[in-house]
Amino acid sequence: MTSYPTHVFLAVLASAVLHAGWNALIRGGRDPLLHTAAIVFWAALVAAPFLAFVSLPDAASLPYMAVSNSVHVVYYVALAAAYRSGTLSFAYPIIRGTAPLIIALGSLFFFSETPGWFGWLGILCVSAGVLIVALRAGTNGSAHTIAWSLLCACTIAAYSLADGMGVRQSHSVAGYSAVLYTMEGVVFVGGMVVFGRGAALARYVIAHWRSTLFGGVMSTLAYGISLWAMSQAPVALVAATRETSVLFATLIGVWFLRERLSLRQWAGAATIMLGVALLRA
């Protein structure tokens, strides 16, 4: 599988917009962990009814789904911690910027997929661009943010590779997506209850149901599109294209969260766009 159809590429760009949107909602919440858990809760509630209407995934995909589900829990916890310690326009690019290279290398081993020269250059440009956007001077408390963000990057690579393998063996992208999101909600919300934050989560969901429901819908659509794209095109190219979400997250941070960017960060944004162009070369 080496081709990257235009309609798949455009769908992944749409997924990137949605992904940046729900990450901005997490950053805008008063308690990032509760806000994340509420979004995961709504994502599961949105996905669960589809189980009655879609074909369930083949059993061969279930071990990969289990790995993805477990890693996603770690991802959400680390994501909330990163946003608690840093700004959206600093943490989000680090999180998304280092994952494409790990995924590309993993794709060679797990899928025997070679992006080609332009593909590799595109992945490198995207990763370099998002790190340029992130690594600015004068950010307080950045050490903790970087640590949590790098952990997020590793989890992104792990669950992307697991889901890429799982969705290709599922023979039902919709079924795989519905089961994955439903189980994530059960595991993550169950974990919140076990660790004594169930009541706080219930109150938070009730108090912030509009924004968290909106975030849950965006999260479901964003990753659902990516799952479908990974069944149609090389995982490494899909993963790199998704990182254009950094551009949208940066703009959201500027326009809605009143975060300020430097000329260096705008140069990083241009590097990302060059990388995207190379991915389609």
Protein backbone atom coordinates (compact mmCIF):
# COMPACT_ATOMS: atom_id res chain seq x y z
CA MET A 1 0.00 0.00 0.00
CA THR A 2 1.91 3.06 -1.24
CA SER A 3 -0.66 5.40 -2.82
CA TYR A 4 -2.24 8.34 -0.99
CA PRO A 5 -5.52 9.22 -2.76
CA THR A 6 -6.56 12.87 -2.76
CA HIS A 7 -9.94 12.21 -1.13
CA VAL A 8 -8.20 10.37 1.72
CA PHE A 9 -5.72 13.24 2.13
CA LEU A 10 -8.53 15.82 2.32
CA ALA A 11 -10.44 13.69 4.82
CA VAL A 12 -7.36 13.54 7.06
CA LEU A 13 -7.07 17.34 6.89
CA ALA A 14 -10.67 17.57 8.10
CA SER A 15 -9.78 15.16 10.90
CA ALA A 16 -6.90 17.47 11.86
CA VAL A 17 -9.26 20.44 12.22
CA LEU A 18 -11.57 18.41 14.47
CA HIS A 19 -8.65 17.13 16.53
CA ALA A 20 -7.31 20.62 17.13
CA GLY A 21 -10.79 21.73 18.16
CA TRP A 22 -11.34 19.17 20.89
CA ASN A 23 -7.79 19.65 22.21
CA ALA A 24 -8.54 23.35 22.54
CA LEU A 25 -11.64 22.45 24.54
CA ILE A 26 -9.47 20.40 26.93
CA ARG A 27 -7.03 23.30 27.31
CA GLY A 28 -9.94 25.67 27.93
CA GLY A 29 -11.41 23.53 30.73
CA ARG A 30 -10.85 24.35 34.39
CA ASP A 31 -9.71 20.80 35.23
CA PRO A 32 -8.01 19.18 32.19
CA LEU A 33 -8.34 15.61 33.53
CA LEU A 34 -12.05 15.94 34.31
CA HIS A 35 -12.59 17.74 31.01
CA THR A 36 -10.81 14.95 29.15
CA ALA A 37 -12.77 12.25 30.99
CA ALA A 38 -16.04 14.04 30.21
CA ILE A 39 -15.15 14.17 26.51
CA VAL A 40 -14.25 10.46 26.53
CA PHE A 41 -17.56 9.73 28.29
CA TRP A 42 -19.56 11.54 25.61
CA ALA A 43 -17.51 9.95 22.82
CA ALA A 44 -18.44 6.52 24.17
CA LEU A 45 -22.08 7.52 24.52
CA VAL A 46 -22.12 8.77 20.94
CA ALA A 47 -20.42 5.63 19.60
CA ALA A 48 -22.33 2.98 21.57
CA PRO A 49 -25.67 3.19 19.66
CA PHE A 50 -23.85 2.45 16.40
CA LEU A 51 -23.00 -1.02 17.70
CA ALA A 52 -26.57 -2.03 16.86
CA PHE A 53 -26.28 -0.96 13.23
CA VAL A 54 -22.73 -1.72 12.08
CA SER A 55 -20.89 -4.96 11.43
CA LEU A 56 -18.76 -5.90 14.41
CA PRO A 57 -15.00 -6.17 13.79
CA ASP A 58 -13.42 -9.55 13.17
CA ALA A 59 -11.92 -11.28 16.17
CA ALA A 60 -8.42 -10.95 14.68
CA SER A 61 -8.53 -7.19 15.32
CA LEU A 62 -9.47 -7.43 19.00
CA PRO A 63 -5.94 -7.85 20.45
CA TYR A 64 -4.83 -4.68 18.65
CA MET A 65 -7.91 -2.88 19.92
CA ALA A 66 -7.06 -3.97 23.48
CA VAL A 67 -3.56 -2.54 23.13
CA SER A 68 -4.92 0.70 21.69
CA ASN A 69 -7.51 0.99 24.45
CA SER A 70 -4.93 0.56 27.19
CA VAL A 71 -2.50 3.02 25.61
CA HIS A 72 -5.26 5.57 25.05
CA VAL A 73 -5.92 5.72 28.80
CA VAL A 74 -2.27 6.62 29.41
CA TYR A 75 -2.47 9.13 26.55
CA TYR A 76 -5.48 10.93 28.01
CA VAL A 77 -3.92 11.18 31.47
CA ALA A 78 -0.64 12.49 30.07
CA LEU A 79 -2.49 14.87 27.76
CA ALA A 80 -4.40 16.41 30.64
CA ALA A 81 -1.17 16.75 32.66
CA ALA A 82 0.60 18.44 29.75
CA TYR A 83 -2.21 20.98 29.33
CA ARG A 84 -2.30 21.60 33.06
CA SER A 85 1.37 22.62 33.06
CA GLY A 86 1.69 24.45 29.73
CA THR A 87 -0.09 26.45 27.06
CA LEU A 88 -1.87 24.86 24.12
CA SER A 89 0.49 26.38 21.54
CA PHE A 90 3.51 24.97 23.44
CA ALA A 91 2.37 21.51 24.58
CA TYR A 92 0.28 20.49 21.59
CA PRO A 93 3.04 20.85 18.94
CA ILE A 94 5.51 18.81 21.01
CA ILE A 95 2.89 16.10 21.52
CA ARG A 96 2.08 15.88 17.84
CA GLY A 97 5.53 16.69 16.44
CA THR A 98 7.62 13.79 17.61
CA ALA A 99 5.08 11.04 16.93
CA PRO A 100 5.25 10.97 13.07
CA LEU A 101 8.88 9.87 12.97
CA ILE A 102 8.24 7.09 15.49
CA ILE A 103 5.18 5.99 13.54
CA ALA A 104 7.07 6.08 10.22
CA LEU A 105 9.82 3.87 11.63
CA GLY A 106 7.26 1.55 13.20
CA SER A 107 5.41 1.30 9.89
CA LEU A 108 8.55 -0.10 8.26
CA PHE A 109 8.57 -2.93 10.78
CA PHE A 110 4.85 -3.63 11.23
CA PHE A 111 3.50 -2.85 7.74
CA SER A 112 6.58 -2.97 5.49
CA GLU A 113 5.46 0.45 4.19
CA THR A 114 8.09 2.76 2.73
CA PRO A 115 6.95 6.39 2.33
CA GLY A 116 9.53 7.11 -0.41
CA TRP A 117 11.96 10.03 -0.56
CA PHE A 118 9.31 12.74 -0.76
CA GLY A 119 7.33 11.02 1.96
CA TRP A 120 10.31 10.91 4.31
CA LEU A 121 11.16 14.55 3.57
CA GLY A 122 7.56 15.51 4.19
CA ILE A 123 7.47 13.67 7.52
CA LEU A 124 10.75 15.30 8.59
CA CYS A 125 9.48 18.77 7.62
CA VAL A 126 6.22 18.29 9.48
CA SER A 127 8.03 17.08 12.61
CA ALA A 128 10.63 19.87 12.41
CA GLY A 129 7.93 22.46 11.82
CA VAL A 130 5.82 21.52 14.80
CA LEU A 131 8.87 21.47 17.06
CA ILE A 132 9.89 24.91 15.81
CA VAL A 133 6.40 26.10 16.63
CA ALA A 134 6.66 24.60 20.11
CA LEU A 135 10.21 25.31 21.21
CA ARG A 136 10.05 29.01 21.84
CA ALA A 137 11.88 30.95 24.55
CA GLY A 138 10.34 32.38 27.68
CA THR A 139 7.86 29.62 28.53
CA ASN A 140 7.62 29.05 32.27
CA GLY A 141 7.49 25.51 33.61
CA SER A 142 8.35 24.03 30.22
CA ALA A 143 10.35 21.07 31.60
CA HIS A 144 7.25 19.38 33.02
CA THR A 145 5.27 20.21 29.90
CA ILE A 146 7.95 18.70 27.63
CA ALA A 147 8.12 15.51 29.73
CA TRP A 148 4.36 14.94 29.65
CA SER A 149 4.21 15.90 25.99
CA LEU A 150 6.90 13.40 25.00
CA LEU A 151 5.05 10.66 26.87
CA CYS A 152 1.96 11.63 24.87
CA ALA A 153 3.96 11.34 21.65
CA CYS A 154 5.05 7.81 22.51
CA THR A 155 1.48 6.77 23.28
CA ILE A 156 0.26 8.31 20.01
CA ALA A 157 2.79 6.24 18.08
CA ALA A 158 1.83 3.08 19.98
CA TYR A 159 -1.93 3.37 19.55
CA SER A 160 -1.65 4.56 15.94
CA LEU A 161 0.37 1.49 14.97
CA ALA A 162 -1.94 -0.81 16.92
CA ASP A 163 -5.06 0.70 15.37
CA GLY A 164 -3.53 0.73 11.92
CA MET A 165 -3.00 -3.01 12.18
CA GLY A 166 -6.31 -3.63 13.91
CA VAL A 167 -8.54 -1.68 11.55
CA ARG A 168 -7.05 -3.45 8.52
CA GLN A 169 -7.91 -6.81 10.05
CA SER A 170 -11.35 -5.75 11.28
CA HIS A 171 -13.14 -5.78 7.89
CA SER A 172 -15.40 -3.11 9.42
CA VAL A 173 -13.97 0.33 10.06
CA ALA A 174 -17.26 1.56 11.52
CA GLY A 175 -17.53 -1.47 13.79
CA TYR A 176 -13.92 -1.17 14.94
CA SER A 177 -14.40 2.55 15.69
CA ALA A 178 -17.65 2.03 17.60
CA VAL A 179 -16.26 -0.76 19.78
CA LEU A 180 -13.00 1.12 20.38
CA TYR A 181 -14.69 4.31 21.57
CA THR A 182 -17.26 2.48 23.67
CA MET A 183 -14.61 0.44 25.44
CA GLU A 184 -12.42 3.50 25.98
CA GLY A 185 -15.27 5.19 27.76
CA VAL A 186 -15.94 2.17 29.96
CA VAL A 187 -12.27 1.78 30.91
CA PHE A 188 -11.43 5.46 31.42
CA VAL A 189 -14.60 6.44 33.26
CA GLY A 190 -14.36 3.23 35.29
CA GLY A 191 -10.83 4.20 36.24
CA MET A 192 -12.01 7.61 37.41
CA VAL A 193 -14.59 5.90 39.64
CA VAL A 194 -12.04 3.46 41.05
CA PHE A 195 -9.66 6.31 41.93
CA GLY A 196 -12.37 8.27 43.70
CA ARG A 197 -13.20 10.88 41.09
CA GLY A 198 -16.47 9.42 39.83
CA ALA A 199 -18.69 11.88 41.68
CA ALA A 200 -16.57 14.83 40.59
CA LEU A 201 -16.76 13.60 37.00
CA ALA A 202 -20.56 13.28 37.17
CA ARG A 203 -20.86 16.84 38.47
CA TYR A 204 -18.49 18.08 35.78
CA VAL A 205 -20.37 16.35 32.98
CA ILE A 206 -23.64 17.90 34.15
CA ALA A 207 -22.15 21.38 34.59
CA HIS A 208 -20.24 21.39 31.29
CA TRP A 209 -22.32 19.08 29.14
CA ARG A 210 -22.46 21.36 26.09
CA SER A 211 -18.72 21.87 25.60
CA THR A 212 -17.78 18.31 26.56
CA LEU A 213 -20.49 16.77 24.36
CA PHE A 214 -19.23 18.90 21.48
CA GLY A 215 -15.69 17.76 22.23
CA GLY A 216 -16.80 14.12 22.37
CA VAL A 217 -18.46 14.35 18.96
CA MET A 218 -15.38 16.04 17.45
CA SER A 219 -13.06 13.45 19.01
CA THR A 220 -15.14 10.57 17.68
CA LEU A 221 -15.29 12.01 14.17
CA ALA A 222 -11.61 12.98 14.12
CA TYR A 223 -10.19 9.59 15.01
CA GLY A 224 -12.90 7.71 13.13
CA ILE A 225 -11.79 9.47 9.95
CA SER A 226 -8.17 8.64 10.73
CA LEU A 227 -9.00 4.96 11.27
CA TRP A 228 -10.71 4.84 7.90
CA ALA A 229 -7.76 6.66 6.28
CA MET A 230 -5.28 4.15 7.75
CA SER A 231 -7.22 1.38 6.02
CA GLN A 232 -6.89 3.22 2.71
CA ALA A 233 -3.37 4.71 2.73
CA PRO A 234 0.06 4.26 4.40
CA VAL A 235 -0.14 4.79 8.15
CA ALA A 236 2.98 6.99 8.24
CA LEU A 237 1.60 9.44 5.66
CA VAL A 238 -1.78 9.60 7.36
CA ALA A 239 -0.13 10.21 10.74
CA ALA A 240 2.06 12.99 9.36
CA THR A 241 -0.87 14.69 7.63
CA ARG A 242 -2.84 14.62 10.87
CA GLU A 243 -0.16 16.83 12.40
CA THR A 244 -1.42 19.78 10.39
CA SER A 245 -3.75 19.93 13.40
CA VAL A 246 -0.85 21.85 14.99
CA LEU A 247 -1.52 24.74 12.63
CA PHE A 248 -5.19 24.81 13.55
CA ALA A 249 -4.46 24.42 17.27
CA THR A 250 -1.97 27.28 17.08
CA LEU A 251 -4.53 29.53 15.42
CA ILE A 252 -7.14 28.54 18.00
CA GLY A 253 -4.64 29.38 20.75
CA VAL A 254 -4.05 32.81 19.21
CA TRP A 255 -7.63 33.72 18.35
CA PHE A 256 -9.61 32.23 21.24
CA LEU A 257 -7.18 31.60 24.11
CA ARG A 258 -5.20 34.83 23.54
CA GLU A 259 -1.82 33.13 23.27
CA ARG A 260 0.97 34.98 21.47
CA LEU A 261 3.26 33.60 18.77
CA SER A 262 6.70 34.65 17.58
CA LEU A 263 8.04 34.97 14.04
CA ARG A 264 9.95 31.75 14.64
CA GLN A 265 6.68 29.93 15.31
CA TRP A 266 5.15 31.27 12.12
CA ALA A 267 8.26 30.03 10.28
CA GLY A 268 7.59 26.62 11.81
CA ALA A 269 4.04 26.77 10.49
CA ALA A 270 5.42 27.41 6.99
CA THR A 271 7.73 24.39 7.38
CA ILE A 272 4.72 22.25 8.23
CA MET A 273 2.97 23.41 5.07
CA LEU A 274 6.08 22.51 3.02
CA GLY A 275 6.02 19.07 4.60
CA VAL A 276 2.36 18.60 3.70
CA ALA A 277 3.12 19.55 0.09
CA LEU A 278 5.93 16.98 0.02
CA LEU A 279 3.61 14.29 1.36
CA ARG A 280 1.45 14.84 -1.70
CA ALA A 281 4.37 15.08 -4.16
